[in-house]
Amino acid sequence: MTRAKSKSEPNELWGAIKNQAVDMFGLPDQTLEDHISNHKVVGDKLYLHLKSTAALRAVEESVGKVPAPAGTKYDVFPIGGNGSSGNQVMIKLIETD
């Protein structure tokens, strides 16, 4: 059974992750938003442009902390650039059942 996806879900996800603390480069008081140069919502997807590919792990960890609706999970897909080494990611709510 396919669950109807809300167009507000990507905006809610961005609101939930952008101020999460991250530990990168040994610098104090950083948030995920410090490592994102741009974000865009297209349909039910959230696109992030990373300032550095090193931020990918922080994105994955931050997204993993956000509870998803029952039967779904948020998944992070590296896109652009040289395949998985690009500095853009797409985050989408996917069904797990």
C-alpha atoms as a PDB file:
ATOM      1  CA  MET A   1       0.000   0.000   0.000  1.00  0.00           C
ATOM      2  CA  THR A   2       1.438   3.369  -1.021  1.00  0.00           C
ATOM      3  CA  ARG A   3       1.315   6.132   1.531  1.00  0.00           C
ATOM      4  CA  ALA A   4       0.441   9.633   0.333  1.00  0.00           C
ATOM      5  CA  LYS A   5       3.457  11.876   0.734  1.00  0.00           C
ATOM      6  CA  SER A   6       3.105  15.418   1.972  1.00  0.00           C
ATOM      7  CA  LYS A   7       4.912  18.192   0.114  1.00  0.00           C
ATOM      8  CA  SER A   8       5.652  19.735   3.512  1.00  0.00           C
ATOM      9  CA  GLU A   9       7.710  16.707   4.617  1.00  0.00           C
ATOM     10  CA  PRO A  10      10.956  17.937   2.974  1.00  0.00           C
ATOM     11  CA  ASN A  11      10.523  21.365   4.595  1.00  0.00           C
ATOM     12  CA  GLU A  12       9.854  19.753   7.966  1.00  0.00           C
ATOM     13  CA  LEU A  13      12.937  17.567   7.543  1.00  0.00           C
ATOM     14  CA  TRP A  14      15.109  20.595   6.742  1.00  0.00           C
ATOM     15  CA  GLY A  15      13.737  22.339   9.831  1.00  0.00           C
ATOM     16  CA  ALA A  16      14.565  19.279  11.932  1.00  0.00           C
ATOM     17  CA  ILE A  17      18.168  18.811  10.732  1.00  0.00           C
ATOM     18  CA  LYS A  18      19.563  22.251   9.914  1.00  0.00           C
ATOM     19  CA  ASN A  19      20.360  23.230  13.507  1.00  0.00           C
ATOM     20  CA  GLN A  20      21.638  19.843  14.658  1.00  0.00           C
ATOM     21  CA  ALA A  21      25.105  19.998  16.148  1.00  0.00           C
ATOM     22  CA  VAL A  22      27.829  18.297  14.125  1.00  0.00           C
ATOM     23  CA  ASP A  23      31.408  17.448  15.002  1.00  0.00           C
ATOM     24  CA  MET A  24      33.522  18.248  11.957  1.00  0.00           C
ATOM     25  CA  PHE A  25      37.114  19.343  11.565  1.00  0.00           C
ATOM     26  CA  GLY A  26      37.487  19.625  15.356  1.00  0.00           C
ATOM     27  CA  LEU A  27      35.717  22.997  15.361  1.00  0.00           C
ATOM     28  CA  PRO A  28      33.283  23.843  18.165  1.00  0.00           C
ATOM     29  CA  ASP A  29      29.685  25.052  17.913  1.00  0.00           C
ATOM     30  CA  GLN A  30      28.910  23.877  14.376  1.00  0.00           C
ATOM     31  CA  THR A  31      25.528  22.987  12.953  1.00  0.00           C
ATOM     32  CA  LEU A  32      24.680  21.047   9.841  1.00  0.00           C
ATOM     33  CA  GLU A  33      23.542  24.275   8.196  1.00  0.00           C
ATOM     34  CA  ASP A  34      27.134  25.595   8.483  1.00  0.00           C
ATOM     35  CA  HIS A  35      28.167  22.926   5.958  1.00  0.00           C
ATOM     36  CA  ILE A  36      25.294  23.399   3.492  1.00  0.00           C
ATOM     37  CA  SER A  37      25.571  26.161   0.900  1.00  0.00           C
ATOM     38  CA  ASN A  38      22.045  25.783  -0.475  1.00  0.00           C
ATOM     39  CA  HIS A  39      18.900  23.732   0.009  1.00  0.00           C
ATOM     40  CA  LYS A  40      15.939  23.279  -2.289  1.00  0.00           C
ATOM     41  CA  VAL A  41      12.662  21.408  -2.079  1.00  0.00           C
ATOM     42  CA  VAL A  42      11.309  19.829  -5.260  1.00  0.00           C
ATOM     43  CA  GLY A  43       8.110  17.849  -4.804  1.00  0.00           C
ATOM     44  CA  ASP A  44       8.694  15.332  -2.035  1.00  0.00           C
ATOM     45  CA  LYS A  45      12.504  15.582  -2.163  1.00  0.00           C
ATOM     46  CA  LEU A  46      15.005  17.757  -0.289  1.00  0.00           C
ATOM     47  CA  TYR A  47      18.180  18.647  -2.171  1.00  0.00           C
ATOM     48  CA  LEU A  48      21.273  19.892  -0.307  1.00  0.00           C
ATOM     49  CA  HIS A  49      24.436  21.361  -1.786  1.00  0.00           C
ATOM     50  CA  LEU A  50      27.326  20.509   0.513  1.00  0.00           C
ATOM     51  CA  LYS A  51      30.206  22.928   0.996  1.00  0.00           C
ATOM     52  CA  SER A  52      32.455  19.878   1.261  1.00  0.00           C
ATOM     53  CA  THR A  53      31.906  16.202   0.522  1.00  0.00           C
ATOM     54  CA  ALA A  54      33.134  15.606   4.085  1.00  0.00           C
ATOM     55  CA  ALA A  55      29.700  16.831   5.232  1.00  0.00           C
ATOM     56  CA  LEU A  56      27.969  13.781   3.721  1.00  0.00           C
ATOM     57  CA  ARG A  57      28.438  11.696   6.869  1.00  0.00           C
ATOM     58  CA  ALA A  58      27.058  14.532   9.030  1.00  0.00           C
ATOM     59  CA  VAL A  59      23.989  14.729   6.775  1.00  0.00           C
ATOM     60  CA  GLU A  60      23.446  10.971   7.046  1.00  0.00           C
ATOM     61  CA  GLU A  61      23.784  11.062  10.850  1.00  0.00           C
ATOM     62  CA  SER A  62      21.470  14.058  11.192  1.00  0.00           C
ATOM     63  CA  VAL A  63      18.799  12.532   8.948  1.00  0.00           C
ATOM     64  CA  GLY A  64      19.070   9.275  10.903  1.00  0.00           C
ATOM     65  CA  LYS A  65      18.051  11.102  14.093  1.00  0.00           C
ATOM     66  CA  VAL A  66      14.742  12.319  12.630  1.00  0.00           C
ATOM     67  CA  PRO A  67      11.790  10.003  13.227  1.00  0.00           C
ATOM     68  CA  ALA A  68       9.983   9.070  10.019  1.00  0.00           C
ATOM     69  CA  PRO A  69       6.318   8.113   9.739  1.00  0.00           C
ATOM     70  CA  ALA A  70       5.533   4.422  10.362  1.00  0.00           C
ATOM     71  CA  GLY A  71       6.563   2.150   7.501  1.00  0.00           C
ATOM     72  CA  THR A  72       9.004   4.686   6.035  1.00  0.00           C
ATOM     73  CA  LYS A  73      12.519   6.025   6.469  1.00  0.00           C
ATOM     74  CA  TYR A  74      14.491   8.963   5.163  1.00  0.00           C
ATOM     75  CA  ASP A  75      17.262   7.960   2.788  1.00  0.00           C
ATOM     76  CA  VAL A  76      20.205  10.057   1.585  1.00  0.00           C
ATOM     77  CA  PHE A  77      21.306   9.708  -2.042  1.00  0.00           C
ATOM     78  CA  PRO A  78      24.571  11.361  -3.209  1.00  0.00           C
ATOM     79  CA  ILE A  79      24.055  12.918  -6.647  1.00  0.00           C
ATOM     80  CA  GLY A  80      25.790  15.203  -9.108  1.00  0.00           C
ATOM     81  CA  GLY A  81      29.468  15.769  -9.680  1.00  0.00           C
ATOM     82  CA  ASN A  82      31.371  12.517 -10.097  1.00  0.00           C
ATOM     83  CA  GLY A  83      28.688  10.084  -8.986  1.00  0.00           C
ATOM     84  CA  SER A  84      28.847   9.400  -5.265  1.00  0.00           C
ATOM     85  CA  SER A  85      31.778  11.818  -4.852  1.00  0.00           C
ATOM     86  CA  GLY A  86      29.634  14.791  -5.874  1.00  0.00           C
ATOM     87  CA  ASN A  87      28.735  17.471  -3.403  1.00  0.00           C
ATOM     88  CA  GLN A  88      24.960  17.303  -3.728  1.00  0.00           C
ATOM     89  CA  VAL A  89      22.564  14.978  -1.972  1.00  0.00           C
ATOM     90  CA  MET A  90      18.899  14.185  -2.339  1.00  0.00           C
ATOM     91  CA  ILE A  91      16.932  13.140   0.722  1.00  0.00           C
ATOM     92  CA  LYS A  92      13.681  11.313   0.177  1.00  0.00           C
ATOM     93  CA  LEU A  93      11.163   9.515   2.345  1.00  0.00           C
ATOM     94  CA  ILE A  94      10.968   5.911   1.165  1.00  0.00           C
ATOM     95  CA  GLU A  95       8.696   3.032   2.163  1.00  0.00           C
ATOM     96  CA  THR A  96      10.261   0.230   4.171  1.00  0.00           C
ATOM     97  CA  ASP A  97       7.423  -2.293   3.978  1.00  0.00           C
END
